[in-house]
């Protein structure tokens, strides 16, 4: 993918991003909740999204999970991916966003947020690049600057991380070690 694949304004905004904020349910997962025999919530995460998060981190992009729900599964997934900025049980994602801006010395235009549900709208209105997953609520897709081709939990986050790395010119250096030496 290159600049011809994305609208020019999206490409330009993606070049500035230093922090990626991800909702969990409906973005990193498909939004369905499974409950085990002891009542524990089980979630399914896509391996490509995880790989995209790791590549974004290697490319110098900070990643944070912001969730309205508390979830051991999401906490363990964040830890597994090396995401140290994990916030759960949030009623106000904008407050965490503002704390992160101060802690990381960032401007709002240096932040992207990916959401799927109405509760994500206040945060999406504050960031430089608001993204909705393909199966997001219609109001969320209308508020987004870009909508991923894939639905939540099915590679949408990977599409976002690929966009960011490519727009910032970090794609070759991030993927070349993974592809091995080519003659």
Protein backbone atom coordinates (compact mmCIF):
# COMPACT_ATOMS: atom_id res chain seq x y z
CA UNK A 1 0.00 0.00 0.00
CA UNK A 2 1.12 3.50 -0.67
CA UNK A 3 -0.22 7.02 -0.84
CA UNK A 4 -2.49 6.04 -3.73
CA UNK A 5 -4.28 3.51 -1.47
CA UNK A 6 -5.27 6.10 1.14
CA UNK A 7 -6.80 9.55 0.85
CA UNK A 8 -3.98 12.14 1.00
CA UNK A 9 -5.27 13.71 4.21
CA UNK A 10 -5.18 10.32 5.98
CA UNK A 11 -1.62 9.67 4.80
CA UNK A 12 -0.55 13.10 6.03
CA UNK A 13 -2.16 12.64 9.46
CA UNK A 14 -0.70 9.13 9.80
CA UNK A 15 2.81 10.54 9.32
CA UNK A 16 2.50 12.47 12.60
CA UNK A 17 1.29 9.65 14.86
CA UNK A 18 3.45 8.75 17.87
CA UNK A 19 0.75 7.15 20.06
CA UNK A 20 -1.90 4.62 19.04
CA UNK A 21 -4.90 4.23 21.37
CA UNK A 22 -6.86 1.01 20.93
CA UNK A 23 -10.25 0.08 22.30
CA UNK A 24 -10.37 -3.60 23.24
CA UNK A 25 -13.88 -5.05 22.78
CA UNK A 26 -14.92 -4.65 19.16
CA UNK A 27 -11.50 -3.43 17.98
CA UNK A 28 -8.93 -5.93 19.25
CA UNK A 29 -11.70 -8.53 19.52
CA UNK A 30 -14.79 -9.15 17.42
CA UNK A 31 -16.89 -7.77 20.25
CA UNK A 32 -18.42 -11.06 21.29
CA UNK A 33 -18.06 -12.18 24.89
CA UNK A 34 -17.63 -15.83 25.79
CA UNK A 35 -18.05 -17.02 29.36
CA UNK A 36 -16.29 -20.07 30.77
CA UNK A 37 -17.83 -22.51 33.26
CA UNK A 38 -16.63 -20.44 36.22
CA UNK A 39 -18.11 -17.26 34.74
CA UNK A 40 -14.78 -15.94 33.47
CA UNK A 41 -14.90 -13.87 30.30
CA UNK A 42 -12.95 -15.31 27.39
CA UNK A 43 -11.83 -13.25 24.40
CA UNK A 44 -10.29 -14.05 21.05
CA UNK A 45 -7.49 -11.87 19.68
CA UNK A 46 -6.16 -11.98 16.12
CA UNK A 47 -2.49 -12.85 15.78
CA UNK A 48 -2.01 -10.37 12.90
CA UNK A 49 -3.21 -7.53 15.12
CA UNK A 50 -0.67 -8.57 17.74
CA UNK A 51 2.09 -8.70 15.18
CA UNK A 52 1.10 -5.26 13.90
CA UNK A 53 1.28 -3.89 17.45
CA UNK A 54 4.77 -5.33 17.90
CA UNK A 55 5.90 -3.84 14.58
CA UNK A 56 4.46 -0.44 15.52
CA UNK A 57 6.36 -0.55 18.80
CA UNK A 58 9.56 -1.45 16.96
CA UNK A 59 8.88 1.51 14.68
CA UNK A 60 8.77 3.86 17.67
CA UNK A 61 5.00 4.15 18.01
CA UNK A 62 3.69 3.88 21.57
CA UNK A 63 0.57 1.70 21.96
CA UNK A 64 -2.04 1.86 24.70
CA UNK A 65 -5.18 -0.20 25.35
CA UNK A 66 -8.20 1.72 26.67
CA UNK A 67 -11.17 -0.40 27.69
CA UNK A 68 -14.44 0.31 29.39
CA UNK A 69 -14.53 -3.27 30.69
CA UNK A 70 -12.25 -5.04 33.11
CA UNK A 71 -10.76 -8.17 31.61
CA UNK A 72 -8.02 -10.53 32.71
CA UNK A 73 -7.78 -11.79 29.12
CA UNK A 74 -7.14 -8.30 27.72
CA UNK A 75 -4.64 -7.54 30.49
CA UNK A 76 -2.71 -10.72 29.68
CA UNK A 77 -2.81 -9.95 25.95
CA UNK A 78 -1.40 -6.46 26.60
CA UNK A 79 1.36 -7.90 28.77
CA UNK A 80 2.12 -10.57 26.15
CA UNK A 81 2.57 -7.83 23.53
CA UNK A 82 4.66 -5.59 25.76
CA UNK A 83 1.92 -2.96 25.96
CA UNK A 84 2.58 -1.35 29.32
CA UNK A 85 -0.06 1.35 28.99
CA UNK A 86 -3.19 -0.65 29.76
CA UNK A 87 -6.28 1.06 31.14
CA UNK A 88 -9.48 -0.81 31.98
CA UNK A 89 -12.82 -0.07 33.57
CA UNK A 90 -12.74 3.40 32.06
CA UNK A 91 -15.72 5.69 32.15
CA UNK A 92 -13.76 8.59 30.64
CA UNK A 93 -11.21 7.71 27.97
CA UNK A 94 -10.57 11.40 27.26
CA UNK A 95 -9.13 11.87 30.76
CA UNK A 96 -6.60 9.08 30.13
CA UNK A 97 -5.83 10.57 26.71
CA UNK A 98 -5.05 13.92 28.37
CA UNK A 99 -2.83 12.22 30.96
CA UNK A 100 -0.93 10.43 28.19
CA UNK A 101 -0.45 13.67 26.25
CA UNK A 102 1.19 15.21 29.30
CA UNK A 103 3.23 12.12 30.24
CA UNK A 104 4.57 11.60 26.72
CA UNK A 105 4.81 15.30 25.82
CA UNK A 106 2.58 14.88 22.77
CA UNK A 107 0.13 17.09 20.91
CA UNK A 108 -3.35 15.73 20.06
CA UNK A 109 -2.46 15.53 16.35
CA UNK A 110 0.26 13.00 17.25
CA UNK A 111 -2.33 10.52 18.53
CA UNK A 112 -4.53 8.03 16.66
CA UNK A 113 -7.49 6.24 18.22
CA UNK A 114 -9.35 3.21 16.91
CA UNK A 115 -12.91 2.65 18.06
CA UNK A 116 -16.11 0.85 17.25
CA UNK A 117 -18.82 2.03 19.62
CA UNK A 118 -20.56 5.23 20.68
CA UNK A 119 -18.54 5.46 23.90
CA UNK A 120 -15.43 5.93 21.73
CA UNK A 121 -16.75 9.10 20.06
CA UNK A 122 -15.53 11.64 22.66
CA UNK A 123 -11.98 10.30 22.40
CA UNK A 124 -12.09 10.09 18.62
CA UNK A 125 -13.10 13.76 18.47
CA UNK A 126 -9.89 14.75 20.31
CA UNK A 127 -7.19 12.91 18.35
CA UNK A 128 -5.33 13.69 15.15
CA UNK A 129 -6.39 10.48 13.40
CA UNK A 130 -9.73 8.92 14.33
CA UNK A 131 -10.21 5.43 12.90
CA UNK A 132 -13.25 3.14 12.99
CA UNK A 133 -13.25 -0.58 12.29
CA UNK A 134 -15.39 -1.77 9.38
CA UNK A 135 -18.18 -3.10 11.60
CA UNK A 136 -18.31 -0.09 13.92
CA UNK A 137 -21.58 1.64 14.77
CA UNK A 138 -22.71 3.90 11.92
CA UNK A 139 -22.18 7.03 14.01
CA UNK A 140 -18.60 5.98 14.76
CA UNK A 141 -17.85 5.33 11.10
CA UNK A 142 -19.33 8.75 10.23
CA UNK A 143 -17.07 10.45 12.81
CA UNK A 144 -13.93 8.59 11.71
CA UNK A 145 -11.41 10.03 9.30
CA UNK A 146 -10.67 6.51 8.05
CA UNK A 147 -12.55 3.20 8.26
CA UNK A 148 -10.53 -0.01 8.11
CA UNK A 149 -11.42 -2.56 5.43
CA UNK A 150 -11.58 -5.32 8.08
CA UNK A 151 -13.90 -5.64 11.06
CA UNK A 152 -12.74 -5.54 14.65
CA UNK A 153 -10.87 -8.60 15.87
CA UNK A 154 -10.14 -9.69 12.31
CA UNK A 155 -7.02 -7.78 11.38
CA UNK A 156 -8.29 -4.18 11.53
CA UNK A 157 -5.59 -3.11 13.99
CA UNK A 158 -2.94 -4.55 11.67
CA UNK A 159 -4.32 -2.41 8.86
CA UNK A 160 -3.91 0.66 11.07
CA UNK A 161 -0.36 -0.18 12.14
CA UNK A 162 0.62 -0.89 8.52
CA UNK A 163 -0.78 2.51 7.50
CA UNK A 164 1.17 4.30 10.24
CA UNK A 165 4.46 2.55 9.50
CA UNK A 166 4.17 3.07 5.75
CA UNK A 167 3.14 6.72 6.03
CA UNK A 168 6.12 7.36 8.32
CA UNK A 169 8.55 5.61 6.00
CA UNK A 170 9.31 2.98 8.65
CA UNK A 171 7.83 0.02 6.79
CA UNK A 172 11.02 -1.18 5.05
CA UNK A 173 13.18 -1.06 8.19
CA UNK A 174 10.45 -2.74 10.27
CA UNK A 175 9.70 -5.62 7.92
CA UNK A 176 13.08 -6.31 6.32
CA UNK A 177 14.47 -8.13 9.41
CA UNK A 178 11.33 -10.29 9.39
CA UNK A 179 11.67 -11.22 5.74
CA UNK A 180 15.34 -12.22 5.93
CA UNK A 181 18.10 -11.15 3.61
CA UNK A 182 17.18 -11.06 -0.06
CA UNK A 183 19.68 -11.31 -2.83
